[in-house]
Amino acid sequence: MKLSNFGHDTSSSTVKSDLEQGQQLRLLSYNIQTGISTRRYRHYLTHSWKHVLPHGERIENLNRIARMIHEYDVVGLQEVDGGSLRSGFINQTEYLAVRANFPYWYDKTNRNLGKIAQHSIGLLSRFPTAEITEHKLPGFIPGRGALTVEFNTSGTPLILVILHLALSQRARVRQLDFVSELVGDYDNVIVMGDMNCQPDSEEMVRLMQQANLVEPLQDLHTFPSWRPLRNIDHILVSPSLQVDDVQVLNYPLSDHLPISMTVRLPA
């Protein structure tokens, strides 16, 4: 899919011009579990049918998510549905863009099961982009992917990567080595997503060393949302980006909690 623009009046405060030097950006990364509000381990069993069938609470939960994300400039989404039976044939990235008044959105389906499920990742942005590229991530089981997004700036380009990594460590090592090669030649990089691993894991350490990335705080637990014990959702940045704030938000609308970061581009 190409980047979609809902045709908002470009004079609207929601539509912003290209990024400027010294620009502040409010970032959010969120695994929304296709709008399922899982709040206990037992719900993985008792609510498992929601992964293949529609239910009325899903839209209500998406509306709550939209209200939460509307204050951000750039949002990376994981576990969104691209428009299948379980979501009522609604593209959830598009739905959230409309509800939260984002002028630009893009989604990539990583695993297409037709009418049953369309496992996707998504981008919501208030800024126009110069280029978006889809990537299939390497692994033993297909269905993991990434988006690289280049933003127009008045200075050095800003590169954003949105991804959702495999459960297998062997696969994650290959996937993050692949990401390192994607971003290795850029000075201003943001990598965000559900990485299914801790910041001190072998694969994360390799990524940060090879791609010259840092994670400002490494004790931000996001999973499970009802009792966060694991830090598996991350936003990594180049040292050139000034980090003004980073936190996990207490919005248990999925089995993950969202992570937010405010950064400033080099002046």
Protein backbone atom coordinates (compact mmCIF):
# COMPACT_ATOMS: atom_id res chain seq x y z
CA MET A 1 0.00 0.00 0.00
CA LYS A 2 1.16 3.53 -0.61
CA LEU A 3 1.07 6.12 2.14
CA SER A 4 -2.52 7.23 2.56
CA ASN A 5 -3.62 10.80 3.17
CA PHE A 6 -7.20 11.44 4.20
CA GLY A 7 -7.31 14.79 2.45
CA HIS A 8 -7.39 16.93 5.56
CA ASP A 9 -7.14 20.66 4.97
CA THR A 10 -3.40 21.30 4.99
CA SER A 11 -4.01 24.34 7.16
CA SER A 12 -5.21 22.02 9.94
CA SER A 13 -3.04 21.74 13.03
CA THR A 14 -2.94 17.96 12.55
CA VAL A 15 -1.05 18.25 9.25
CA LYS A 16 2.53 19.37 9.74
CA SER A 17 5.25 20.39 7.33
CA ASP A 18 8.58 18.65 6.87
CA LEU A 19 10.72 18.13 9.95
CA GLU A 20 13.01 21.00 10.91
CA GLN A 21 16.40 21.00 12.59
CA GLY A 22 15.88 20.98 16.36
CA GLN A 23 12.31 19.67 15.89
CA GLN A 24 10.74 17.90 18.87
CA LEU A 25 8.95 14.62 18.10
CA ARG A 26 6.55 12.71 20.33
CA LEU A 27 6.89 9.01 19.58
CA LEU A 28 4.82 6.01 20.63
CA SER A 29 5.22 2.27 20.05
CA TYR A 30 2.30 -0.01 20.84
CA ASN A 31 1.42 -3.67 20.32
CA ILE A 32 -2.39 -3.41 20.35
CA GLN A 33 -3.14 -7.17 20.08
CA THR A 34 -5.69 -6.44 17.32
CA GLY A 35 -7.85 -4.57 19.82
CA ILE A 36 -8.25 -7.47 22.24
CA SER A 37 -8.25 -6.29 25.85
CA THR A 38 -6.37 -9.14 27.56
CA ARG A 39 -6.11 -8.55 31.30
CA ARG A 40 -5.25 -11.96 32.78
CA TYR A 41 -3.23 -14.97 31.66
CA ARG A 42 -6.42 -17.04 31.58
CA HIS A 43 -7.79 -14.70 28.91
CA TYR A 44 -5.31 -16.17 26.41
CA LEU A 45 -7.47 -19.31 26.63
CA THR A 46 -10.93 -17.95 27.34
CA HIS A 47 -10.60 -15.10 24.79
CA SER A 48 -8.69 -17.09 22.17
CA TRP A 49 -11.72 -17.12 19.86
CA LYS A 50 -11.32 -13.34 19.46
CA HIS A 51 -8.19 -13.96 17.37
CA VAL A 52 -10.37 -15.41 14.60
CA LEU A 53 -13.89 -14.06 15.19
CA PRO A 54 -15.24 -10.51 15.55
CA HIS A 55 -16.61 -9.18 18.82
CA GLY A 56 -18.34 -5.94 19.73
CA GLU A 57 -15.85 -4.84 22.38
CA ARG A 58 -13.03 -4.62 19.82
CA ILE A 59 -14.24 -1.33 18.31
CA GLU A 60 -14.80 0.15 21.76
CA ASN A 61 -11.24 -0.75 22.71
CA LEU A 62 -9.86 0.69 19.46
CA ASN A 63 -11.68 3.93 20.27
CA ARG A 64 -9.97 4.02 23.67
CA ILE A 65 -6.61 3.45 21.99
CA ALA A 66 -7.34 6.27 19.52
CA ARG A 67 -8.05 8.69 22.35
CA MET A 68 -4.76 7.76 23.98
CA ILE A 69 -2.55 8.07 20.88
CA HIS A 70 -4.00 11.30 19.48
CA GLU A 71 -1.42 13.52 21.22
CA TYR A 72 1.58 11.88 19.50
CA ASP A 73 3.36 12.82 16.28
CA VAL A 74 4.52 9.40 15.10
CA VAL A 75 3.09 6.05 16.22
CA GLY A 76 4.39 2.57 15.39
CA LEU A 77 1.79 -0.19 15.75
CA GLN A 78 2.26 -3.92 16.05
CA GLU A 79 -0.37 -6.69 15.93
CA VAL A 80 -2.88 -4.66 13.96
CA ASP A 81 -5.30 -6.40 11.61
CA GLY A 82 -5.33 -5.34 7.97
CA GLY A 83 -9.05 -6.01 7.45
CA SER A 84 -10.28 -9.56 8.01
CA LEU A 85 -13.21 -11.35 9.62
CA ARG A 86 -11.94 -10.92 13.18
CA SER A 87 -11.74 -7.12 12.80
CA GLY A 88 -15.07 -6.85 11.02
CA PHE A 89 -13.10 -6.32 7.78
CA ILE A 90 -11.78 -3.03 9.16
CA ASN A 91 -8.21 -2.00 8.48
CA GLN A 92 -7.27 -1.13 12.05
CA THR A 93 -4.37 1.16 11.14
CA GLU A 94 -6.68 3.21 8.92
CA TYR A 95 -9.40 3.19 11.59
CA LEU A 96 -7.04 4.52 14.25
CA ALA A 97 -5.70 7.16 11.85
CA VAL A 98 -9.21 8.48 11.26
CA ARG A 99 -10.28 8.33 14.91
CA ALA A 100 -7.07 9.96 16.20
CA ASN A 101 -6.95 12.45 13.31
CA PHE A 102 -3.62 11.40 11.82
CA PRO A 103 -3.31 12.69 8.24
CA TYR A 104 -0.90 9.94 7.14
CA TRP A 105 -0.95 6.20 7.69
CA TYR A 106 0.61 3.09 6.21
CA ASP A 107 0.31 -0.60 6.99
CA LYS A 108 2.21 -3.73 6.01
CA THR A 109 0.66 -7.17 6.24
CA ASN A 110 3.29 -9.61 7.48
CA ARG A 111 1.13 -12.74 7.50
CA ASN A 112 -1.92 -12.82 5.24
CA LEU A 113 -4.43 -15.51 6.17
CA GLY A 114 -7.07 -14.11 3.85
CA LYS A 115 -10.46 -13.50 5.40
CA ILE A 116 -9.41 -15.14 8.68
CA ALA A 117 -6.62 -12.77 9.75
CA GLN A 118 -4.17 -10.24 8.34
CA HIS A 119 -1.33 -9.83 10.82
CA SER A 120 0.15 -6.37 10.21
CA ILE A 121 2.31 -3.53 11.48
CA GLY A 122 1.38 0.10 10.96
CA LEU A 123 2.54 3.70 10.91
CA LEU A 124 0.56 6.79 11.94
CA SER A 125 2.18 10.15 11.26
CA ARG A 126 1.46 13.86 11.38
CA PHE A 127 4.43 14.50 9.11
CA PRO A 128 4.78 13.62 5.41
CA THR A 129 7.34 11.00 4.48
CA ALA A 130 9.91 10.88 1.69
CA GLU A 131 9.94 7.10 1.29
CA ILE A 132 8.56 3.95 2.92
CA THR A 133 10.01 0.50 2.25
CA GLU A 134 8.60 -2.87 3.29
CA HIS A 135 10.92 -5.66 4.40
CA LYS A 136 10.42 -9.34 5.06
CA LEU A 137 12.53 -10.28 8.05
CA PRO A 138 14.57 -13.50 7.86
CA GLY A 139 13.51 -16.43 10.01
CA PHE A 140 12.59 -20.08 10.06
CA ILE A 141 8.86 -19.30 10.21
CA PRO A 142 7.68 -16.66 7.69
CA GLY A 143 5.46 -13.78 8.71
CA ARG A 144 7.70 -11.23 10.43
CA GLY A 145 8.37 -7.88 8.83
CA ALA A 146 9.57 -4.31 9.16
CA LEU A 147 8.94 -0.88 7.71
CA THR A 148 11.68 1.66 7.09
CA VAL A 149 10.38 5.21 6.89
CA GLU A 150 12.41 8.19 5.72
CA PHE A 151 11.14 11.61 6.78
CA ASN A 152 11.80 14.80 4.90
CA THR A 153 13.97 17.11 6.98
CA SER A 154 15.79 20.39 6.54
CA GLY A 155 19.00 18.59 7.52
CA THR A 156 20.18 14.99 7.72
CA PRO A 157 17.37 12.49 6.94
CA LEU A 158 15.54 10.81 9.82
CA ILE A 159 15.05 7.06 9.44
CA LEU A 160 12.39 5.21 11.42
CA VAL A 161 12.12 1.42 11.61
CA ILE A 162 8.93 -0.25 12.89
CA LEU A 163 9.14 -3.99 13.49
CA HIS A 164 7.76 -7.03 15.27
CA LEU A 165 10.35 -9.73 15.93
CA ALA A 166 10.11 -13.50 16.23
CA LEU A 167 9.72 -15.50 19.43
CA SER A 168 12.81 -17.58 18.62
CA GLN A 169 16.15 -16.11 19.68
CA ARG A 170 17.94 -17.65 16.69
CA ALA A 171 15.50 -15.90 14.37
CA ARG A 172 15.78 -12.61 16.26
CA VAL A 173 19.57 -12.60 15.90
CA ARG A 174 19.19 -12.88 12.12
CA GLN A 175 16.42 -10.30 12.05
CA LEU A 176 18.31 -7.68 14.05
CA ASP A 177 21.48 -8.27 12.03
CA PHE A 178 19.32 -7.52 8.98
CA VAL A 179 18.04 -4.31 10.62
CA SER A 180 21.61 -3.28 11.47
CA GLU A 181 22.49 -3.44 7.79
CA LEU A 182 19.42 -1.37 6.88
CA VAL A 183 20.27 1.56 9.15
CA GLY A 184 24.04 1.31 9.47
CA ASP A 185 24.80 4.17 7.06
CA TYR A 186 22.43 6.72 8.64
CA ASP A 187 23.14 9.23 11.41
CA ASN A 188 19.61 9.83 12.74
CA VAL A 189 17.77 6.57 13.37
CA ILE A 190 14.82 5.43 15.49
CA VAL A 191 13.99 1.72 15.84
CA MET A 192 10.76 0.83 17.63
CA GLY A 193 8.56 -2.17 18.15
CA ASP A 194 7.79 -5.41 19.95
CA MET A 195 11.17 -7.11 19.92
CA ASN A 196 10.28 -10.06 22.16
CA CYS A 197 13.59 -9.78 24.03
CA GLN A 198 15.21 -7.95 26.91
CA PRO A 199 17.67 -5.06 26.36
CA ASP A 200 20.60 -7.12 27.67
CA SER A 201 19.93 -10.05 25.33
CA GLU A 202 22.64 -11.07 22.88
CA GLU A 203 20.67 -9.91 19.85
CA MET A 204 19.82 -6.48 21.31
CA VAL A 205 23.39 -5.82 22.40
CA ARG A 206 24.58 -6.74 18.89
CA LEU A 207 22.06 -4.38 17.31
CA MET A 208 23.00 -1.45 19.51
CA GLN A 209 26.71 -1.99 18.92
CA GLN A 210 26.50 -2.59 15.17
CA ALA A 211 24.01 0.19 14.41
CA ASN A 212 25.26 2.67 17.04
CA LEU A 213 21.92 2.85 18.85
CA VAL A 214 21.08 3.45 22.49
CA GLU A 215 18.11 2.80 24.74
CA PRO A 216 17.97 5.68 27.25
CA LEU A 217 16.16 3.67 29.94
CA GLN A 218 16.37 -0.12 30.09
CA ASP A 219 14.04 -0.89 32.98
CA LEU A 220 10.70 -0.09 31.37
CA HIS A 221 8.52 -3.17 31.74
CA THR A 222 5.67 -3.45 29.24
CA PHE A 223 4.48 -7.07 29.40
CA PRO A 224 2.08 -8.38 30.55
CA SER A 225 0.06 -5.20 30.84
CA TRP A 226 -1.76 -6.24 34.04
CA ARG A 227 1.52 -7.07 35.85
CA PRO A 228 4.49 -5.81 33.82
CA LEU A 229 7.52 -8.01 34.43
CA ARG A 230 9.34 -8.00 31.09
CA ASN A 231 10.92 -5.27 28.99
CA ILE A 232 10.30 -6.52 25.45
CA ASP A 233 8.95 -3.36 23.76
CA HIS A 234 11.65 -0.86 22.86
CA ILE A 235 12.46 2.48 21.26
CA LEU A 236 16.13 2.78 20.31
CA VAL A 237 17.71 5.96 18.97
CA SER A 238 20.95 7.27 17.55
CA PRO A 239 23.10 9.27 20.02
CA SER A 240 22.57 12.30 17.76
CA LEU A 241 18.94 12.52 18.91
CA GLN A 242 18.33 14.26 22.22
CA VAL A 243 15.90 12.30 24.40
CA ASP A 244 13.74 14.58 26.55
CA ASP A 245 11.42 11.96 28.01
CA VAL A 246 10.73 8.22 27.91
CA GLN A 247 8.13 6.24 29.82
CA VAL A 248 5.75 3.32 29.81
CA LEU A 249 2.12 4.45 29.84
CA ASN A 250 -0.34 2.80 32.18
CA TYR A 251 -2.99 2.08 29.54
CA PRO A 252 -3.78 -1.66 29.80
CA LEU A 253 -5.81 -1.82 26.58
CA SER A 254 -3.84 -4.79 25.20
CA ASP A 255 -1.58 -7.46 26.67
CA HIS A 256 1.27 -4.96 26.18
CA LEU A 257 1.67 -1.44 27.56
CA PRO A 258 2.65 1.36 25.17
CA ILE A 259 6.06 3.00 25.40
CA SER A 260 6.49 6.70 24.61
CA MET A 261 9.53 8.86 23.95
CA THR A 262 10.07 12.53 23.18
CA VAL A 263 13.14 13.26 21.08
CA ARG A 264 14.67 16.34 19.51
CA LEU A 265 16.44 16.36 16.15
CA PRO A 266 19.93 17.84 15.92
CA ALA A 267 19.92 21.62 15.57
